[in-house]
Amino acid sequence: MGFGVNIVTGDYSRGAAGIWIENGELTFPVEEVTIAGNLKEMLKEIKMVGNDLGFRDRISAPTLKIEKMIVSGE
């Protein structure tokens, strides 16, 4: 999974995997997708924060619900 961020503008692109949610239901796993946008704008779009904080290596984060985000892939 690729990763790129412009620390001056906050623009980013990142490979991702997860679960597709449709009508509030977990529907199917997704892999090899790319999310892209601007970090400042993404933080403004956080609508919910989960209580499932997980500790993985050096990075830890709970599940976030982000209202709008660019996602591409097959």
PDB file of N, CA and C in Angstrom:
ATOM      1  N   MET A   1       0.839  -1.170   0.000  1.00  0.00           N
ATOM      2  CA  MET A   1       0.000   0.000   0.000  1.00  0.00           C
ATOM      3  C   MET A   1       0.884   1.233   0.000  1.00  0.00           C
ATOM      4  N   GLY A   2       0.635   2.101  -0.934  1.00  0.00           N
ATOM      5  CA  GLY A   2       1.455   3.295  -1.061  1.00  0.00           C
ATOM      6  C   GLY A   2       1.047   4.378  -0.080  1.00  0.00           C
ATOM      7  N   PHE A   3       1.922   5.366   0.067  1.00  0.00           N
ATOM      8  CA  PHE A   3       1.638   6.458   0.981  1.00  0.00           C
ATOM      9  C   PHE A   3       2.345   7.700   0.496  1.00  0.00           C
ATOM     10  N   GLY A   4       1.673   8.823   0.538  1.00  0.00           N
ATOM     11  CA  GLY A   4       2.290  10.086   0.204  1.00  0.00           C
ATOM     12  C   GLY A   4       1.550  11.213   0.887  1.00  0.00           C
ATOM     13  N   VAL A   5       2.298  12.150   1.454  1.00  0.00           N
ATOM     14  CA  VAL A   5       1.676  13.316   2.078  1.00  0.00           C
ATOM     15  C   VAL A   5       2.560  14.529   1.827  1.00  0.00           C
ATOM     16  N   ASN A   6       1.926  15.642   1.510  1.00  0.00           N
ATOM     17  CA  ASN A   6       2.617  16.907   1.357  1.00  0.00           C
ATOM     18  C   ASN A   6       2.459  17.636   2.686  1.00  0.00           C
ATOM     19  N   ILE A   7       3.552  17.759   3.453  1.00  0.00           N
ATOM     20  CA  ILE A   7       3.449  18.345   4.792  1.00  0.00           C
ATOM     21  C   ILE A   7       3.168  19.847   4.758  1.00  0.00           C
ATOM     22  N   VAL A   8       3.363  20.489   3.617  1.00  0.00           N
ATOM     23  CA  VAL A   8       3.064  21.916   3.499  1.00  0.00           C
ATOM     24  C   VAL A   8       1.568  22.137   3.287  1.00  0.00           C
ATOM     25  N   THR A   9       0.969  21.396   2.337  1.00  0.00           N
ATOM     26  CA  THR A   9      -0.442  21.596   1.999  1.00  0.00           C
ATOM     27  C   THR A   9      -1.387  20.687   2.770  1.00  0.00           C
ATOM     28  N   GLY A  10      -0.888  19.547   3.267  1.00  0.00           N
ATOM     29  CA  GLY A  10      -1.736  18.573   3.942  1.00  0.00           C
ATOM     30  C   GLY A  10      -2.387  17.581   3.006  1.00  0.00           C
ATOM     31  N   ASP A  11      -2.114  17.680   1.708  1.00  0.00           N
ATOM     32  CA  ASP A  11      -2.679  16.725   0.754  1.00  0.00           C
ATOM     33  C   ASP A  11      -2.036  15.362   0.950  1.00  0.00           C
ATOM     34  N   TYR A  12      -2.836  14.303   0.820  1.00  0.00           N
ATOM     35  CA  TYR A  12      -2.312  12.965   1.047  1.00  0.00           C
ATOM     36  C   TYR A  12      -2.970  11.959   0.111  1.00  0.00           C
ATOM     37  N   SER A  13      -2.319  10.823  -0.007  1.00  0.00           N
ATOM     38  CA  SER A  13      -2.846   9.668  -0.725  1.00  0.00           C
ATOM     39  C   SER A  13      -2.314   8.442   0.001  1.00  0.00           C
ATOM     40  N   ARG A  14      -3.199   7.468   0.258  1.00  0.00           N
ATOM     41  CA  ARG A  14      -2.795   6.317   1.070  1.00  0.00           C
ATOM     42  C   ARG A  14      -3.561   5.079   0.645  1.00  0.00           C
ATOM     43  N   GLY A  15      -2.850   3.973   0.535  1.00  0.00           N
ATOM     44  CA  GLY A  15      -3.498   2.696   0.285  1.00  0.00           C
ATOM     45  C   GLY A  15      -4.255   2.264   1.530  1.00  0.00           C
ATOM     46  N   ALA A  16      -5.360   1.551   1.339  1.00  0.00           N
ATOM     47  CA  ALA A  16      -6.178   1.155   2.486  1.00  0.00           C
ATOM     48  C   ALA A  16      -6.896  -0.162   2.228  1.00  0.00           C
ATOM     49  N   ALA A  17      -7.358  -0.755   3.303  1.00  0.00           N
ATOM     50  CA  ALA A  17      -8.205  -1.945   3.266  1.00  0.00           C
ATOM     51  C   ALA A  17      -9.197  -1.798   4.407  1.00  0.00           C
ATOM     52  N   GLY A  18     -10.346  -2.422   4.287  1.00  0.00           N
ATOM     53  CA  GLY A  18     -11.330  -2.308   5.351  1.00  0.00           C
ATOM     54  C   GLY A  18     -12.605  -3.042   5.013  1.00  0.00           C
ATOM     55  N   ILE A  19     -13.708  -2.544   5.533  1.00  0.00           N
ATOM     56  CA  ILE A  19     -15.014  -3.155   5.304  1.00  0.00           C
ATOM     57  C   ILE A  19     -15.954  -2.095   4.741  1.00  0.00           C
ATOM     58  N   TRP A  20     -16.625  -2.433   3.642  1.00  0.00           N
ATOM     59  CA  TRP A  20     -17.585  -1.532   3.006  1.00  0.00           C
ATOM     60  C   TRP A  20     -18.851  -1.501   3.853  1.00  0.00           C
ATOM     61  N   ILE A  21     -19.319  -0.285   4.166  1.00  0.00           N
ATOM     62  CA  ILE A  21     -20.543  -0.128   4.945  1.00  0.00           C
ATOM     63  C   ILE A  21     -21.595   0.498   4.043  1.00  0.00           C
ATOM     64  N   GLU A  22     -22.745  -0.155   3.950  1.00  0.00           N
ATOM     65  CA  GLU A  22     -23.833   0.343   3.117  1.00  0.00           C
ATOM     66  C   GLU A  22     -25.125   0.287   3.922  1.00  0.00           C
ATOM     67  N   ASN A  23     -25.829   1.416   3.991  1.00  0.00           N
ATOM     68  CA  ASN A  23     -27.063   1.516   4.781  1.00  0.00           C
ATOM     69  C   ASN A  23     -26.845   1.079   6.229  1.00  0.00           C
ATOM     70  N   GLY A  24     -25.683   1.413   6.778  1.00  0.00           N
ATOM     71  CA  GLY A  24     -25.379   1.097   8.165  1.00  0.00           C
ATOM     72  C   GLY A  24     -24.977  -0.338   8.436  1.00  0.00           C
ATOM     73  N   GLU A  25     -24.869  -1.156   7.396  1.00  0.00           N
ATOM     74  CA  GLU A  25     -24.525  -2.570   7.550  1.00  0.00           C
ATOM     75  C   GLU A  25     -23.143  -2.858   6.978  1.00  0.00           C
ATOM     76  N   LEU A  26     -22.367  -3.714   7.665  1.00  0.00           N
ATOM     77  CA  LEU A  26     -21.093  -4.185   7.130  1.00  0.00           C
ATOM     78  C   LEU A  26     -21.425  -5.141   5.991  1.00  0.00           C
ATOM     79  N   THR A  27     -20.941  -4.838   4.766  1.00  0.00           N
ATOM     80  CA  THR A  27     -21.371  -5.646   3.627  1.00  0.00           C
ATOM     81  C   THR A  27     -20.294  -6.568   3.079  1.00  0.00           C
ATOM     82  N   PHE A  28     -19.078  -6.066   2.858  1.00  0.00           N
ATOM     83  CA  PHE A  28     -18.024  -6.930   2.328  1.00  0.00           C
ATOM     84  C   PHE A  28     -16.658  -6.286   2.550  1.00  0.00           C
ATOM     85  N   PRO A  29     -15.601  -7.110   2.599  1.00  0.00           N
ATOM     86  CA  PRO A  29     -14.252  -6.560   2.770  1.00  0.00           C
ATOM     87  C   PRO A  29     -13.775  -5.886   1.486  1.00  0.00           C
ATOM     88  N   VAL A  30     -12.973  -4.841   1.632  1.00  0.00           N
ATOM     89  CA  VAL A  30     -12.359  -4.172   0.483  1.00  0.00           C
ATOM     90  C   VAL A  30     -10.852  -4.144   0.682  1.00  0.00           C
ATOM     91  N   GLU A  31     -10.129  -4.332  -0.404  1.00  0.00           N
ATOM     92  CA  GLU A  31      -8.668  -4.306  -0.390  1.00  0.00           C
ATOM     93  C   GLU A  31      -8.186  -3.515  -1.593  1.00  0.00           C
ATOM     94  N   GLU A  32      -6.943  -3.095  -1.526  1.00  0.00           N
ATOM     95  CA  GLU A  32      -6.291  -2.409  -2.634  1.00  0.00           C
ATOM     96  C   GLU A  32      -7.086  -1.203  -3.123  1.00  0.00           C
ATOM     97  N   VAL A  33      -7.543  -0.382  -2.171  1.00  0.00           N
ATOM     98  CA  VAL A  33      -8.181   0.879  -2.516  1.00  0.00           C
ATOM     99  C   VAL A  33      -7.252   2.008  -2.087  1.00  0.00           C
ATOM    100  N   THR A  34      -7.476   3.179  -2.634  1.00  0.00           N
ATOM    101  CA  THR A  34      -6.690   4.352  -2.276  1.00  0.00           C
ATOM    102  C   THR A  34      -7.627   5.419  -1.744  1.00  0.00           C
ATOM    103  N   ILE A  35      -7.262   6.025  -0.624  1.00  0.00           N
ATOM    104  CA  ILE A  35      -7.988   7.174  -0.112  1.00  0.00           C
ATOM    105  C   ILE A  35      -7.097   8.388  -0.326  1.00  0.00           C
ATOM    106  N   ALA A  36      -7.717   9.519  -0.625  1.00  0.00           N
ATOM    107  CA  ALA A  36      -6.943  10.725  -0.911  1.00  0.00           C
ATOM    108  C   ALA A  36      -7.731  11.939  -0.452  1.00  0.00           C
ATOM    109  N   GLY A  37      -7.031  13.011  -0.175  1.00  0.00           N
ATOM    110  CA  GLY A  37      -7.688  14.241   0.228  1.00  0.00           C
ATOM    111  C   GLY A  37      -6.717  15.180   0.911  1.00  0.00           C
ATOM    112  N   ASN A  38      -7.249  15.984   1.812  1.00  0.00           N
ATOM    113  CA  ASN A  38      -6.472  16.956   2.561  1.00  0.00           C
ATOM    114  C   ASN A  38      -6.699  16.686   4.048  1.00  0.00           C
ATOM    115  N   LEU A  39      -5.617  16.582   4.810  1.00  0.00           N
ATOM    116  CA  LEU A  39      -5.721  16.224   6.229  1.00  0.00           C
ATOM    117  C   LEU A  39      -6.605  17.189   7.017  1.00  0.00           C
ATOM    118  N   LYS A  40      -6.459  18.486   6.786  1.00  0.00           N
ATOM    119  CA  LYS A  40      -7.264  19.470   7.510  1.00  0.00           C
ATOM    120  C   LYS A  40      -8.747  19.282   7.191  1.00  0.00           C
ATOM    121  N   GLU A  41      -9.060  19.088   5.912  1.00  0.00           N
ATOM    122  CA  GLU A  41     -10.453  18.880   5.513  1.00  0.00           C
ATOM    123  C   GLU A  41     -10.989  17.557   6.047  1.00  0.00           C
ATOM    124  N   MET A  42     -10.146  16.511   6.056  1.00  0.00           N
ATOM    125  CA  MET A  42     -10.575  15.216   6.566  1.00  0.00           C
ATOM    126  C   MET A  42     -10.937  15.318   8.051  1.00  0.00           C
ATOM    127  N   LEU A  43     -10.119  16.015   8.828  1.00  0.00           N
ATOM    128  CA  LEU A  43     -10.395  16.158  10.258  1.00  0.00           C
ATOM    129  C   LEU A  43     -11.717  16.886  10.500  1.00  0.00           C
ATOM    130  N   LYS A  44     -12.067  17.823   9.628  1.00  0.00           N
ATOM    131  CA  LYS A  44     -13.353  18.521   9.740  1.00  0.00           C
ATOM    132  C   LYS A  44     -14.529  17.586   9.472  1.00  0.00           C
ATOM    133  N   GLU A  45     -14.289  16.515   8.722  1.00  0.00           N
ATOM    134  CA  GLU A  45     -15.354  15.597   8.317  1.00  0.00           C
ATOM    135  C   GLU A  45     -15.562  14.432   9.291  1.00  0.00           C
ATOM    136  N   ILE A  46     -14.799  14.372  10.397  1.00  0.00           N
ATOM    137  CA  ILE A  46     -14.989  13.301  11.380  1.00  0.00           C
ATOM    138  C   ILE A  46     -16.328  13.517  12.080  1.00  0.00           C
ATOM    139  N   LYS A  47     -17.216  12.524  11.969  1.00  0.00           N
ATOM    140  CA  LYS A  47     -18.554  12.619  12.560  1.00  0.00           C
ATOM    141  C   LYS A  47     -18.721  11.733  13.786  1.00  0.00           C
ATOM    142  N   MET A  48     -17.944  10.650  13.859  1.00  0.00           N
ATOM    143  CA  MET A  48     -18.031   9.743  15.011  1.00  0.00           C
ATOM    144  C   MET A  48     -16.652   9.153  15.285  1.00  0.00           C
ATOM    145  N   VAL A  49     -16.391   8.859  16.562  1.00  0.00           N
ATOM    146  CA  VAL A  49     -15.150   8.206  16.967  1.00  0.00           C
ATOM    147  C   VAL A  49     -15.535   6.953  17.745  1.00  0.00           C
ATOM    148  N   GLY A  50     -14.992   5.805  17.314  1.00  0.00           N
ATOM    149  CA  GLY A  50     -15.312   4.534  17.961  1.00  0.00           C
ATOM    150  C   GLY A  50     -14.620   4.372  19.304  1.00  0.00           C
ATOM    151  N   ASN A  51     -15.070   3.391  20.067  1.00  0.00           N
ATOM    152  CA  ASN A  51     -14.462   3.083  21.364  1.00  0.00           C
ATOM    153  C   ASN A  51     -13.571   1.850  21.256  1.00  0.00           C
ATOM    154  N   ASP A  52     -13.024   1.624  20.056  1.00  0.00           N
ATOM    155  CA  ASP A  52     -12.246   0.411  19.783  1.00  0.00           C
ATOM    156  C   ASP A  52     -10.761   0.703  19.535  1.00  0.00           C
ATOM    157  N   LEU A  53     -10.210   1.621  20.328  1.00  0.00           N
ATOM    158  CA  LEU A  53      -8.799   1.964  20.156  1.00  0.00           C
ATOM    159  C   LEU A  53      -7.951   0.702  20.158  1.00  0.00           C
ATOM    160  N   GLY A  54      -7.191   0.522  19.081  1.00  0.00           N
ATOM    161  CA  GLY A  54      -6.329  -0.652  18.971  1.00  0.00           C
ATOM    162  C   GLY A  54      -4.873  -0.232  18.889  1.00  0.00           C
ATOM    163  N   PHE A  55      -4.007  -0.925  19.592  1.00  0.00           N
ATOM    164  CA  PHE A  55      -2.586  -0.610  19.578  1.00  0.00           C
ATOM    165  C   PHE A  55      -1.886  -1.547  18.606  1.00  0.00           C
ATOM    166  N   ARG A  56      -1.372  -0.962  17.518  1.00  0.00           N
ATOM    167  CA  ARG A  56      -0.688  -1.733  16.480  1.00  0.00           C
ATOM    168  C   ARG A  56       0.667  -1.075  16.215  1.00  0.00           C
ATOM    169  N   ASP A  57       1.704  -1.757  16.516  1.00  0.00           N
ATOM    170  CA  ASP A  57       3.050  -1.224  16.289  1.00  0.00           C
ATOM    171  C   ASP A  57       3.176   0.171  16.876  1.00  0.00           C
ATOM    172  N   ARG A  58       3.604   1.141  16.054  1.00  0.00           N
ATOM    173  CA  ARG A  58       3.821   2.510  16.528  1.00  0.00           C
ATOM    174  C   ARG A  58       2.593   3.392  16.359  1.00  0.00           C
ATOM    175  N   ILE A  59       1.587   2.921  15.616  1.00  0.00           N
ATOM    176  CA  ILE A  59       0.422   3.742  15.309  1.00  0.00           C
ATOM    177  C   ILE A  59      -0.812   3.146  15.973  1.00  0.00           C
ATOM    178  N   SER A  60      -1.577   3.991  16.655  1.00  0.00           N
ATOM    179  CA  SER A  60      -2.801   3.541  17.312  1.00  0.00           C
ATOM    180  C   SER A  60      -3.925   4.508  16.981  1.00  0.00           C
ATOM    181  N   ALA A  61      -5.100   3.962  16.696  1.00  0.00           N
ATOM    182  CA  ALA A  61      -6.245   4.811  16.393  1.00  0.00           C
ATOM    183  C   ALA A  61      -7.529   4.017  16.533  1.00  0.00           C
ATOM    184  N   PRO A  62      -8.611   4.690  16.934  1.00  0.00           N
ATOM    185  CA  PRO A  62      -9.915   4.031  16.937  1.00  0.00           C
ATOM    186  C   PRO A  62     -10.529   4.124  15.536  1.00  0.00           C
ATOM    187  N   THR A  63     -11.645   3.454  15.350  1.00  0.00           N
ATOM    188  CA  THR A  63     -12.405   3.588  14.114  1.00  0.00           C
ATOM    189  C   THR A  63     -12.977   4.999  14.048  1.00  0.00           C
ATOM    190  N   LEU A  64     -12.923   5.616  12.864  1.00  0.00           N
ATOM    191  CA  LEU A  64     -13.476   6.952  12.657  1.00  0.00           C
ATOM    192  C   LEU A  64     -14.534   6.901  11.569  1.00  0.00           C
ATOM    193  N   LYS A  65     -15.613   7.658  11.747  1.00  0.00           N
ATOM    194  CA  LYS A  65     -16.579   7.836  10.670  1.00  0.00           C
ATOM    195  C   LYS A  65     -16.292   9.194  10.061  1.00  0.00           C
ATOM    196  N   ILE A  66     -15.888   9.174   8.786  1.00  0.00           N
ATOM    197  CA  ILE A  66     -15.578  10.403   8.065  1.00  0.00           C
ATOM    198  C   ILE A  66     -16.667  10.586   7.017  1.00  0.00           C
ATOM    199  N   GLU A  67     -17.353  11.722   7.071  1.00  0.00           N
ATOM    200  CA  GLU A  67     -18.534  11.952   6.239  1.00  0.00           C
ATOM    201  C   GLU A  67     -18.245  11.883   4.748  1.00  0.00           C
ATOM    202  N   LYS A  68     -17.175  12.533   4.294  1.00  0.00           N
ATOM    203  CA  LYS A  68     -16.848  12.538   2.863  1.00  0.00           C
ATOM    204  C   LYS A  68     -15.364  12.272   2.681  1.00  0.00           C
ATOM    205  N   MET A  69     -15.045  11.426   1.688  1.00  0.00           N
ATOM    206  CA  MET A  69     -13.651  11.102   1.404  1.00  0.00           C
ATOM    207  C   MET A  69     -13.561  10.535  -0.006  1.00  0.00           C
ATOM    208  N   ILE A  70     -12.471  10.818  -0.687  1.00  0.00           N
ATOM    209  CA  ILE A  70     -12.253  10.258  -2.020  1.00  0.00           C
ATOM    210  C   ILE A  70     -11.678   8.858  -1.870  1.00  0.00           C
ATOM    211  N   VAL A  71     -12.352   7.878  -2.459  1.00  0.00           N
ATOM    212  CA  VAL A  71     -11.910   6.484  -2.439  1.00  0.00           C
ATOM    213  C   VAL A  71     -11.889   5.990  -3.871  1.00  0.00           C
ATOM    214  N   SER A  72     -10.788   5.342  -4.259  1.00  0.00           N
ATOM    215  CA  SER A  72     -10.727   4.783  -5.612  1.00  0.00           C
ATOM    216  C   SER A  72     -10.188   3.365  -5.556  1.00  0.00           C
ATOM    217  N   GLY A  73     -10.538   2.579  -6.533  1.00  0.00           N
ATOM    218  CA  GLY A  73     -10.104   1.190  -6.617  1.00  0.00           C
ATOM    219  C   GLY A  73     -11.151   0.365  -7.334  1.00  0.00           C
ATOM    220  N   GLU A  74     -10.927  -0.929  -7.372  1.00  0.00           N
ATOM    221  CA  GLU A  74     -11.888  -1.807  -8.056  1.00  0.00           C
ATOM    222  C   GLU A  74     -12.679  -2.622  -7.062  1.00  0.00           C
TER     223      GLU A  74
END
